[in-house]
Protein backbone atom coordinates (compact mmCIF):
# COMPACT_ATOMS: atom_id res chain seq x y z
CA MET A 1 92.38 104.68 84.66
CA TRP A 2 94.83 107.51 83.77
CA ASN A 3 96.00 107.71 87.48
CA THR A 4 96.46 104.11 87.63
CA LEU A 5 98.57 104.11 84.56
CA ARG A 6 100.65 106.98 85.94
CA TYR A 7 101.13 105.23 89.34
CA LEU A 8 102.05 101.97 87.69
CA GLY A 9 105.19 103.81 85.92
CA VAL A 10 103.90 105.23 82.86
CA ARG A 11 105.32 108.67 82.23
CA PRO A 12 102.87 111.47 82.33
CA ALA A 13 103.76 112.39 78.59
CA ASP A 14 102.86 108.67 77.49
CA VAL A 15 99.51 108.12 79.63
CA GLN A 16 97.12 109.30 76.88
CA ASP A 17 98.87 106.81 74.38
CA VAL A 18 98.93 103.84 76.75
CA GLY A 19 95.33 104.80 77.67
CA GLN A 20 94.29 104.43 74.07
CA GLU A 21 95.91 101.20 73.80
CA VAL A 22 93.78 99.96 76.95
CA PHE A 23 90.74 101.29 75.27
CA LEU A 24 91.53 99.53 71.89
CA THR A 25 92.00 96.27 73.80
CA VAL A 26 88.58 96.87 75.51
CA HIS A 27 86.94 97.42 72.17
CA LYS A 28 88.66 94.24 70.71
CA LYS A 29 87.57 91.95 73.78
CA LEU A 30 84.06 93.26 73.84
CA ALA A 31 83.73 92.88 70.04
CA ALA A 32 84.87 89.13 70.60
CA GLY A 33 82.08 88.72 73.06
CA GLU A 34 84.20 88.97 76.38
CA VAL A 35 81.98 90.01 79.18
CA PRO A 36 83.93 90.84 82.49
CA ARG A 37 82.23 89.92 85.86
CA SER A 38 83.43 93.34 87.08
CA SER A 39 84.08 95.98 84.72
CA ARG A 40 86.53 97.99 87.03
CA ALA A 41 88.54 95.00 87.97
CA TRP A 42 88.71 93.87 84.26
CA LEU A 43 89.75 97.61 83.19
CA PHE A 44 92.36 97.61 86.06
CA ALA A 45 93.86 94.19 84.83
CA LEU A 46 94.06 95.61 81.22
CA SER A 47 95.72 98.80 82.31
CA TYR A 48 98.02 96.77 84.48
CA ASN A 49 99.02 94.74 81.43
CA ALA A 50 99.40 97.95 79.06
CA ALA A 51 101.66 99.47 81.87
CA SER A 52 103.76 96.44 82.19
CA ASN A 53 104.24 96.16 78.44
CA TYR A 54 105.12 99.85 78.37
CA ARG A 55 107.65 99.50 80.88
CA GLN A 56 109.25 96.70 78.99
CA LEU A 57 109.74 98.76 75.87
CA ALA A 58 113.09 100.43 75.54
CA ARG A 59 112.12 103.25 73.40
CA HIS A 60 110.52 105.30 76.32
CA ARG A 61 113.69 105.39 78.14
CA ARG A 62 115.62 107.04 75.24
CA GLU A 63 113.26 109.82 74.36
CA ALA A 64 114.06 113.30 75.47
CA PRO A 65 111.42 114.91 77.72
CA THR A 66 109.45 117.57 76.25
CA ASP A 67 108.11 120.36 78.27
CA GLN A 68 104.38 121.31 77.45
CA ALA A 69 103.15 124.84 78.07
CA PRO A 70 100.92 124.78 81.21
CA ASP A 71 97.40 126.05 81.09
CA VAL A 72 97.17 129.65 82.43
CA PRO A 73 95.05 129.62 85.67
CA ASP A 74 92.69 132.37 86.46
CA SER A 75 94.32 133.53 89.78
CA ALA A 76 97.33 133.21 92.08
CA LYS A 77 95.34 131.05 94.43
CA ASP A 78 94.76 128.65 91.50
CA ILE A 79 98.26 128.39 90.82
CA GLU A 80 99.12 127.73 94.39
CA ALA A 81 96.37 124.97 94.61
CA ARG A 82 97.60 123.48 91.38
CA LEU A 83 101.33 123.54 92.54
CA ALA A 84 100.32 121.99 95.90
CA SER A 85 98.30 119.22 94.10
CA ARG A 86 101.31 118.69 91.66
CA GLN A 87 103.68 118.47 94.30
CA GLU A 88 101.73 116.03 96.25
CA SER A 89 101.28 113.72 93.07
CA VAL A 90 105.12 113.86 92.50
CA ARG A 91 105.82 112.77 96.17
CA VAL A 92 103.26 110.05 96.02
CA ALA A 93 104.68 108.77 92.73
CA LEU A 94 108.32 108.88 94.13
CA VAL A 95 107.34 106.67 97.04
CA LEU A 96 105.22 104.40 94.74
CA ASP A 97 108.31 103.90 92.56
CA ALA A 98 110.22 102.65 95.66
CA LEU A 99 107.94 99.83 95.93
CA ASP A 100 107.73 96.26 94.50
CA LEU A 101 105.54 96.25 91.39
CA ASP A 102 103.44 93.42 92.63
CA ARG A 103 102.71 95.22 95.94
CA ARG A 104 102.27 98.62 94.26
CA THR A 105 99.69 97.05 91.85
CA ILE A 106 97.42 96.06 94.62
CA LEU A 107 97.93 99.23 96.62
CA VAL A 108 97.11 101.57 93.75
CA SER A 109 94.21 99.45 92.60
CA HIS A 110 92.58 99.13 96.23
CA ASP A 111 93.61 102.29 97.93
CA MET A 112 93.42 104.77 95.06
CA ASP A 113 91.17 103.12 92.54
CA GLU A 114 88.99 101.68 95.50
CA ILE A 115 88.69 98.36 93.79
CA PRO A 116 87.68 95.48 96.35
CA ILE A 117 90.58 92.93 96.94
CA PRO A 118 88.41 90.01 95.76
CA GLU A 119 88.06 91.53 92.24
CA ILE A 120 91.63 92.49 92.13
CA ALA A 121 92.73 88.99 93.16
CA ASP A 122 90.58 87.58 90.39
CA ALA A 123 91.72 90.01 87.75
CA LEU A 124 95.34 89.19 88.38
CA GLY A 125 94.80 85.75 88.70
CA ILE A 126 96.41 85.32 92.30
CA PRO A 127 94.80 83.77 95.38
CA LEU A 128 92.61 85.94 97.65
CA ASN A 129 95.07 85.48 100.48
CA THR A 130 97.92 86.44 98.50
CA ALA A 131 96.26 89.63 97.44
CA TYR A 132 95.54 90.50 100.99
CA SER A 133 99.19 89.68 102.03
CA ARG A 134 100.52 92.04 99.32
CA LEU A 135 98.21 94.88 100.26
CA ARG A 136 99.38 94.71 103.79
CA LEU A 137 103.10 94.53 102.95
CA ALA A 138 102.49 97.30 100.32
CA ARG A 139 101.18 99.65 103.13
CA ARG A 140 103.98 98.73 105.27
CA ASP A 141 106.57 99.46 102.36
CA PHE A 142 104.80 102.66 101.41
CA GLU A 143 105.11 104.00 104.88
CA ALA A 144 108.79 102.84 105.15
CA ALA A 145 109.66 104.43 101.89
CA ALA A 146 107.95 107.63 102.79
CA ARG A 147 109.72 107.96 106.08
CA ARG A 148 113.04 107.29 104.24
CA MET A 149 112.21 110.17 101.87
CA GLY A 150 111.20 112.31 104.64
CA LEU A 151 107.55 112.50 103.42
CA ALA A 152 105.83 110.46 106.00
CA ARG A 153 102.45 111.66 107.11
CA GLY A 154 100.88 108.18 107.71
CA VAL A 155 98.90 106.00 105.35
CA GLU A 156 95.03 106.29 105.84
């Protein structure tokens, strides 16, 4: 869920706060007796709604970014691995930011969170064929954006 929120446009500094909102919503809905057919798709839909609400708020655009002290790794090899992983995450996030939100949502939930397309379509309330079409277009757009940014290595 944390990665989903990040890839749906929530700043890393705000991911925990938005995630807490998702969990509060889960708690309220379960207490009200709502039982999801697919918990992963349901959690994804709640995360999508929370990220959408987050993006609509103006306050996160005006806050000055704060730097947090990084964890101190054990070795230089660990530093290199963390740096490479972080750089790859930043590159993927940049390419995802270039995508249309509807397409990005399908791509993230299916290819990254491994939620089946029928569950995504049900959770988002869209026709199944629309979900498959958005996934196909999202993959095409992702590759094109990666090529434009000089980051193309192909989409698996």
